[in-house]
Amino acid sequence: MATAQLGSLKNVMLVLGYKRKSTEGTQEQKEIQSCLSIWDLNLPHEVQNLEKHIEVRTELADKMRKTSVE
């Protein structure tokens, strides 16, 4: 894991993972599969903001349902 700046993305976390996988038929031959994940470090804050936004919209929708149109 490492933090990095990638172009316009200033706060990202790079996570490199790998696993060994046996090829079909033999146990002696193995291949390594790797994966690079890039995570935005601001994501938890964005999720928090989205959850709050959803709450506010739900409350407003409830209020609109309760008010009568005359």
PDB file of N, CA and C in Angstrom:
ATOM      1  N   MET A   1       0.840  -1.173   0.000  1.00  0.00           N
ATOM      2  CA  MET A   1       0.000   0.000   0.000  1.00  0.00           C
ATOM      3  C   MET A   1       0.887   1.238   0.000  1.00  0.00           C
ATOM      4  N   ALA A   2       0.435   2.241  -0.733  1.00  0.00           N
ATOM      5  CA  ALA A   2       1.178   3.496  -0.765  1.00  0.00           C
ATOM      6  C   ALA A   2       0.232   4.615  -1.180  1.00  0.00           C
ATOM      7  N   THR A   3       0.475   5.808  -0.649  1.00  0.00           N
ATOM      8  CA  THR A   3      -0.287   6.962  -1.110  1.00  0.00           C
ATOM      9  C   THR A   3       0.460   7.578  -2.281  1.00  0.00           C
ATOM     10  N   ALA A   4      -0.278   8.210  -3.184  1.00  0.00           N
ATOM     11  CA  ALA A   4       0.344   8.765  -4.377  1.00  0.00           C
ATOM     12  C   ALA A   4      -0.501   9.895  -4.931  1.00  0.00           C
ATOM     13  N   GLN A   5       0.084  10.622  -5.884  1.00  0.00           N
ATOM     14  CA  GLN A   5      -0.649  11.635  -6.635  1.00  0.00           C
ATOM     15  C   GLN A   5      -0.597  11.200  -8.096  1.00  0.00           C
ATOM     16  N   LEU A   6      -1.779  10.996  -8.685  1.00  0.00           N
ATOM     17  CA  LEU A   6      -1.875  10.571 -10.079  1.00  0.00           C
ATOM     18  C   LEU A   6      -2.604  11.639 -10.875  1.00  0.00           C
ATOM     19  N   GLY A   7      -1.867  12.458 -11.558  1.00  0.00           N
ATOM     20  CA  GLY A   7      -2.488  13.519 -12.361  1.00  0.00           C
ATOM     21  C   GLY A   7      -3.331  14.423 -11.493  1.00  0.00           C
ATOM     22  N   SER A   8      -4.622  14.503 -11.792  1.00  0.00           N
ATOM     23  CA  SER A   8      -5.516  15.378 -11.030  1.00  0.00           C
ATOM     24  C   SER A   8      -5.968  14.724  -9.725  1.00  0.00           C
ATOM     25  N   LEU A   9      -5.747  13.420  -9.569  1.00  0.00           N
ATOM     26  CA  LEU A   9      -6.095  12.743  -8.313  1.00  0.00           C
ATOM     27  C   LEU A   9      -4.949  12.931  -7.325  1.00  0.00           C
ATOM     28  N   LYS A  10      -5.166  13.739  -6.298  1.00  0.00           N
ATOM     29  CA  LYS A  10      -4.079  14.077  -5.384  1.00  0.00           C
ATOM     30  C   LYS A  10      -3.993  13.153  -4.177  1.00  0.00           C
ATOM     31  N   ASN A  11      -5.108  12.607  -3.765  1.00  0.00           N
ATOM     32  CA  ASN A  11      -5.123  11.776  -2.555  1.00  0.00           C
ATOM     33  C   ASN A  11      -5.640  10.389  -2.886  1.00  0.00           C
ATOM     34  N   VAL A  12      -4.763   9.535  -3.361  1.00  0.00           N
ATOM     35  CA  VAL A  12      -5.171   8.177  -3.701  1.00  0.00           C
ATOM     36  C   VAL A  12      -4.301   7.175  -2.955  1.00  0.00           C
ATOM     37  N   MET A  13      -4.846   5.994  -2.764  1.00  0.00           N
ATOM     38  CA  MET A  13      -4.125   4.892  -2.144  1.00  0.00           C
ATOM     39  C   MET A  13      -3.968   3.812  -3.193  1.00  0.00           C
ATOM     40  N   LEU A  14      -2.736   3.368  -3.409  1.00  0.00           N
ATOM     41  CA  LEU A  14      -2.471   2.281  -4.343  1.00  0.00           C
ATOM     42  C   LEU A  14      -2.303   1.002  -3.547  1.00  0.00           C
ATOM     43  N   VAL A  15      -3.014  -0.047  -3.940  1.00  0.00           N
ATOM     44  CA  VAL A  15      -2.932  -1.336  -3.261  1.00  0.00           C
ATOM     45  C   VAL A  15      -2.604  -2.382  -4.317  1.00  0.00           C
ATOM     46  N   LEU A  16      -1.456  -3.021  -4.166  1.00  0.00           N
ATOM     47  CA  LEU A  16      -1.040  -4.057  -5.100  1.00  0.00           C
ATOM     48  C   LEU A  16      -1.148  -5.400  -4.399  1.00  0.00           C
ATOM     49  N   GLY A  17      -1.846  -6.321  -5.021  1.00  0.00           N
ATOM     50  CA  GLY A  17      -2.000  -7.648  -4.441  1.00  0.00           C
ATOM     51  C   GLY A  17      -1.676  -8.710  -5.465  1.00  0.00           C
ATOM     52  N   TYR A  18      -1.375  -9.907  -4.987  1.00  0.00           N
ATOM     53  CA  TYR A  18      -1.109 -11.014  -5.894  1.00  0.00           C
ATOM     54  C   TYR A  18      -1.451 -12.324  -5.218  1.00  0.00           C
ATOM     55  N   LYS A  19      -1.634 -13.352  -6.037  1.00  0.00           N
ATOM     56  CA  LYS A  19      -1.838 -14.685  -5.500  1.00  0.00           C
ATOM     57  C   LYS A  19      -1.216 -15.684  -6.454  1.00  0.00           C
ATOM     58  N   ARG A  20      -0.804 -16.790  -5.909  1.00  0.00           N
ATOM     59  CA  ARG A  20      -0.260 -17.866  -6.736  1.00  0.00           C
ATOM     60  C   ARG A  20      -1.387 -18.808  -7.086  1.00  0.00           C
ATOM     61  N   LYS A  21      -1.450 -19.187  -8.347  1.00  0.00           N
ATOM     62  CA  LYS A  21      -2.514 -20.062  -8.807  1.00  0.00           C
ATOM     63  C   LYS A  21      -1.890 -21.250  -9.526  1.00  0.00           C
ATOM     64  N   SER A  22      -2.292 -22.443  -9.131  1.00  0.00           N
ATOM     65  CA  SER A  22      -1.817 -23.647  -9.817  1.00  0.00           C
ATOM     66  C   SER A  22      -2.539 -23.764 -11.148  1.00  0.00           C
ATOM     67  N   THR A  23      -1.784 -24.082 -12.185  1.00  0.00           N
ATOM     68  CA  THR A  23      -2.426 -24.302 -13.475  1.00  0.00           C
ATOM     69  C   THR A  23      -3.050 -25.684 -13.481  1.00  0.00           C
ATOM     70  N   GLU A  24      -4.023 -25.876 -14.339  1.00  0.00           N
ATOM     71  CA  GLU A  24      -4.758 -27.138 -14.374  1.00  0.00           C
ATOM     72  C   GLU A  24      -3.836 -28.305 -14.714  1.00  0.00           C
ATOM     73  N   GLY A  25      -4.019 -29.398 -13.996  1.00  0.00           N
ATOM     74  CA  GLY A  25      -3.297 -30.622 -14.328  1.00  0.00           C
ATOM     75  C   GLY A  25      -2.044 -30.884 -13.530  1.00  0.00           C
ATOM     76  N   THR A  26      -1.261 -29.863 -13.235  1.00  0.00           N
ATOM     77  CA  THR A  26      -0.016 -30.110 -12.502  1.00  0.00           C
ATOM     78  C   THR A  26       0.070 -29.189 -11.302  1.00  0.00           C
ATOM     79  N   GLN A  27       0.691 -29.700 -10.272  1.00  0.00           N
ATOM     80  CA  GLN A  27       0.915 -28.886  -9.077  1.00  0.00           C
ATOM     81  C   GLN A  27       2.235 -28.124  -9.172  1.00  0.00           C
ATOM     82  N   GLU A  28       3.128 -28.565 -10.057  1.00  0.00           N
ATOM     83  CA  GLU A  28       4.450 -27.946 -10.134  1.00  0.00           C
ATOM     84  C   GLU A  28       4.414 -26.585 -10.815  1.00  0.00           C
ATOM     85  N   GLN A  29       3.592 -26.441 -11.842  1.00  0.00           N
ATOM     86  CA  GLN A  29       3.517 -25.169 -12.542  1.00  0.00           C
ATOM     87  C   GLN A  29       2.558 -24.244 -11.813  1.00  0.00           C
ATOM     88  N   LYS A  30       3.046 -23.064 -11.510  1.00  0.00           N
ATOM     89  CA  LYS A  30       2.196 -22.073 -10.840  1.00  0.00           C
ATOM     90  C   LYS A  30       2.341 -20.758 -11.575  1.00  0.00           C
ATOM     91  N   GLU A  31       1.276 -20.004 -11.571  1.00  0.00           N
ATOM     92  CA  GLU A  31       1.340 -18.671 -12.151  1.00  0.00           C
ATOM     93  C   GLU A  31       0.965 -17.661 -11.087  1.00  0.00           C
ATOM     94  N   ILE A  32       1.468 -16.461 -11.227  1.00  0.00           N
ATOM     95  CA  ILE A  32       1.158 -15.398 -10.271  1.00  0.00           C
ATOM     96  C   ILE A  32       0.185 -14.430 -10.946  1.00  0.00           C
ATOM     97  N   GLN A  33      -0.945 -14.208 -10.301  1.00  0.00           N
ATOM     98  CA  GLN A  33      -1.920 -13.228 -10.772  1.00  0.00           C
ATOM     99  C   GLN A  33      -1.820 -12.010  -9.872  1.00  0.00           C
ATOM    100  N   SER A  34      -1.813 -10.828 -10.472  1.00  0.00           N
ATOM    101  CA  SER A  34      -1.704  -9.612  -9.669  1.00  0.00           C
ATOM    102  C   SER A  34      -2.847  -8.656  -9.981  1.00  0.00           C
ATOM    103  N   CYS A  35      -3.067  -7.750  -9.050  1.00  0.00           N
ATOM    104  CA  CYS A  35      -4.159  -6.788  -9.181  1.00  0.00           C
ATOM    105  C   CYS A  35      -3.721  -5.476  -8.539  1.00  0.00           C
ATOM    106  N   LEU A  36      -3.963  -4.373  -9.216  1.00  0.00           N
ATOM    107  CA  LEU A  36      -3.677  -3.048  -8.676  1.00  0.00           C
ATOM    108  C   LEU A  36      -5.000  -2.333  -8.470  1.00  0.00           C
ATOM    109  N   SER A  37      -5.263  -1.919  -7.242  1.00  0.00           N
ATOM    110  CA  SER A  37      -6.476  -1.160  -6.920  1.00  0.00           C
ATOM    111  C   SER A  37      -6.080   0.274  -6.605  1.00  0.00           C
ATOM    112  N   ILE A  38      -6.886   1.199  -7.055  1.00  0.00           N
ATOM    113  CA  ILE A  38      -6.658   2.620  -6.775  1.00  0.00           C
ATOM    114  C   ILE A  38      -7.879   3.132  -6.027  1.00  0.00           C
ATOM    115  N   TRP A  39      -7.658   3.626  -4.808  1.00  0.00           N
ATOM    116  CA  TRP A  39      -8.748   4.107  -3.961  1.00  0.00           C
ATOM    117  C   TRP A  39      -8.592   5.604  -3.738  1.00  0.00           C
ATOM    118  N   ASP A  40      -9.699   6.318  -3.847  1.00  0.00           N
ATOM    119  CA  ASP A  40      -9.728   7.743  -3.535  1.00  0.00           C
ATOM    120  C   ASP A  40      -9.832   7.880  -2.015  1.00  0.00           C
ATOM    121  N   LEU A  41      -8.877   8.553  -1.393  1.00  0.00           N
ATOM    122  CA  LEU A  41      -8.887   8.694   0.068  1.00  0.00           C
ATOM    123  C   LEU A  41     -10.049   9.549   0.563  1.00  0.00           C
ATOM    124  N   ASN A  42     -10.648  10.333  -0.320  1.00  0.00           N
ATOM    125  CA  ASN A  42     -11.788  11.160   0.073  1.00  0.00           C
ATOM    126  C   ASN A  42     -13.103  10.393   0.021  1.00  0.00           C
ATOM    127  N   LEU A  43     -13.082   9.166  -0.438  1.00  0.00           N
ATOM    128  CA  LEU A  43     -14.312   8.392  -0.609  1.00  0.00           C
ATOM    129  C   LEU A  43     -15.149   8.282   0.670  1.00  0.00           C
ATOM    130  N   PRO A  44     -14.555   8.005   1.841  1.00  0.00           N
ATOM    131  CA  PRO A  44     -15.395   7.925   3.053  1.00  0.00           C
ATOM    132  C   PRO A  44     -16.178   9.217   3.308  1.00  0.00           C
ATOM    133  N   HIS A  45     -15.571  10.373   3.039  1.00  0.00           N
ATOM    134  CA  HIS A  45     -16.264  11.646   3.245  1.00  0.00           C
ATOM    135  C   HIS A  45     -17.382  11.818   2.224  1.00  0.00           C
ATOM    136  N   GLU A  46     -17.127  11.397   0.992  1.00  0.00           N
ATOM    137  CA  GLU A  46     -18.157  11.502  -0.042  1.00  0.00           C
ATOM    138  C   GLU A  46     -19.346  10.595   0.276  1.00  0.00           C
ATOM    139  N   VAL A  47     -19.076   9.408   0.796  1.00  0.00           N
ATOM    140  CA  VAL A  47     -20.152   8.488   1.182  1.00  0.00           C
ATOM    141  C   VAL A  47     -20.961   9.094   2.321  1.00  0.00           C
ATOM    142  N   GLN A  48     -20.267   9.672   3.293  1.00  0.00           N
ATOM    143  CA  GLN A  48     -20.945  10.316   4.417  1.00  0.00           C
ATOM    144  C   GLN A  48     -21.854  11.441   3.924  1.00  0.00           C
ATOM    145  N   ASN A  49     -21.337  12.263   3.011  1.00  0.00           N
ATOM    146  CA  ASN A  49     -22.136  13.364   2.460  1.00  0.00           C
ATOM    147  C   ASN A  49     -23.334  12.838   1.693  1.00  0.00           C
ATOM    148  N   LEU A  50     -23.153  11.763   0.938  1.00  0.00           N
ATOM    149  CA  LEU A  50     -24.252  11.176   0.170  1.00  0.00           C
ATOM    150  C   LEU A  50     -25.327  10.628   1.104  1.00  0.00           C
ATOM    151  N   GLU A  51     -24.917   9.959   2.184  1.00  0.00           N
ATOM    152  CA  GLU A  51     -25.884   9.430   3.143  1.00  0.00           C
ATOM    153  C   GLU A  51     -26.697  10.558   3.767  1.00  0.00           C
ATOM    154  N   LYS A  52     -26.051  11.654   4.109  1.00  0.00           N
ATOM    155  CA  LYS A  52     -26.753  12.806   4.686  1.00  0.00           C
ATOM    156  C   LYS A  52     -27.718  13.400   3.660  1.00  0.00           C
ATOM    157  N   HIS A  53     -27.282  13.487   2.415  1.00  0.00           N
ATOM    158  CA  HIS A  53     -28.132  14.006   1.344  1.00  0.00           C
ATOM    159  C   HIS A  53     -29.374  13.126   1.169  1.00  0.00           C
ATOM    160  N   ILE A  54     -29.207  11.822   1.223  1.00  0.00           N
ATOM    161  CA  ILE A  54     -30.328  10.889   1.095  1.00  0.00           C
ATOM    162  C   ILE A  54     -31.306  11.076   2.251  1.00  0.00           C
ATOM    163  N   GLU A  55     -30.782  11.259   3.466  1.00  0.00           N
ATOM    164  CA  GLU A  55     -31.644  11.499   4.636  1.00  0.00           C
ATOM    165  C   GLU A  55     -32.494  12.751   4.441  1.00  0.00           C
ATOM    166  N   VAL A  56     -31.852  13.834   4.011  1.00  0.00           N
ATOM    167  CA  VAL A  56     -32.557  15.106   3.821  1.00  0.00           C
ATOM    168  C   VAL A  56     -33.636  14.959   2.753  1.00  0.00           C
ATOM    169  N   ARG A  57     -33.313  14.284   1.645  1.00  0.00           N
ATOM    170  CA  ARG A  57     -34.306  14.087   0.580  1.00  0.00           C
ATOM    171  C   ARG A  57     -35.483  13.250   1.063  1.00  0.00           C
ATOM    172  N   THR A  58     -35.203  12.217   1.869  1.00  0.00           N
ATOM    173  CA  THR A  58     -36.270  11.370   2.411  1.00  0.00           C
ATOM    174  C   THR A  58     -37.190  12.179   3.321  1.00  0.00           C
ATOM    175  N   GLU A  59     -36.585  13.009   4.183  1.00  0.00           N
ATOM    176  CA  GLU A  59     -37.377  13.850   5.074  1.00  0.00           C
ATOM    177  C   GLU A  59     -38.247  14.825   4.281  1.00  0.00           C
ATOM    178  N   LEU A  60     -37.677  15.441   3.250  1.00  0.00           N
ATOM    179  CA  LEU A  60     -38.449  16.368   2.428  1.00  0.00           C
ATOM    180  C   LEU A  60     -39.585  15.653   1.697  1.00  0.00           C
ATOM    181  N   ALA A  61     -39.317  14.474   1.183  1.00  0.00           N
ATOM    182  CA  ALA A  61     -40.372  13.701   0.498  1.00  0.00           C
ATOM    183  C   ALA A  61     -41.495  13.364   1.446  1.00  0.00           C
ATOM    184  N   ASP A  62     -41.156  12.979   2.693  1.00  0.00           N
ATOM    185  CA  ASP A  62     -42.182  12.687   3.697  1.00  0.00           C
ATOM    186  C   ASP A  62     -43.029  13.918   3.996  1.00  0.00           C
ATOM    187  N   LYS A  63     -42.372  15.075   4.157  1.00  0.00           N
ATOM    188  CA  LYS A  63     -43.097  16.322   4.439  1.00  0.00           C
ATOM    189  C   LYS A  63     -44.022  16.671   3.281  1.00  0.00           C
ATOM    190  N   MET A  64     -43.543  16.456   2.039  1.00  0.00           N
ATOM    191  CA  MET A  64     -44.374  16.781   0.879  1.00  0.00           C
ATOM    192  C   MET A  64     -45.583  15.857   0.792  1.00  0.00           C
ATOM    193  N   ARG A  65     -45.428  14.601   1.177  1.00  0.00           N
ATOM    194  CA  ARG A  65     -46.560  13.681   1.165  1.00  0.00           C
ATOM    195  C   ARG A  65     -47.613  14.072   2.191  1.00  0.00           C
ATOM    196  N   LYS A  66     -47.170  14.615   3.337  1.00  0.00           N
ATOM    197  CA  LYS A  66     -48.085  14.952   4.433  1.00  0.00           C
ATOM    198  C   LYS A  66     -48.835  16.256   4.182  1.00  0.00           C
ATOM    199  N   THR A  67     -48.259  17.164   3.410  1.00  0.00           N
ATOM    200  CA  THR A  67     -48.949  18.435   3.166  1.00  0.00           C
ATOM    201  C   THR A  67     -50.019  18.224   2.107  1.00  0.00           C
ATOM    202  N   SER A  68     -51.161  18.827   2.346  1.00  0.00           N
ATOM    203  CA  SER A  68     -52.269  18.689   1.402  1.00  0.00           C
ATOM    204  C   SER A  68     -52.185  19.773   0.333  1.00  0.00           C
ATOM    205  N   VAL A  69     -52.588  19.412  -0.839  1.00  0.00           N
ATOM    206  CA  VAL A  69     -52.595  20.371  -1.944  1.00  0.00           C
ATOM    207  C   VAL A  69     -54.010  20.933  -2.037  1.00  0.00           C
ATOM    208  N   GLU A  70     -54.126  22.239  -1.831  1.00  0.00           N
ATOM    209  CA  GLU A  70     -55.448  22.878  -1.853  1.00  0.00           C
ATOM    210  C   GLU A  70     -55.479  24.027  -2.835  1.00  0.00           C
TER     211      GLU A  70
END
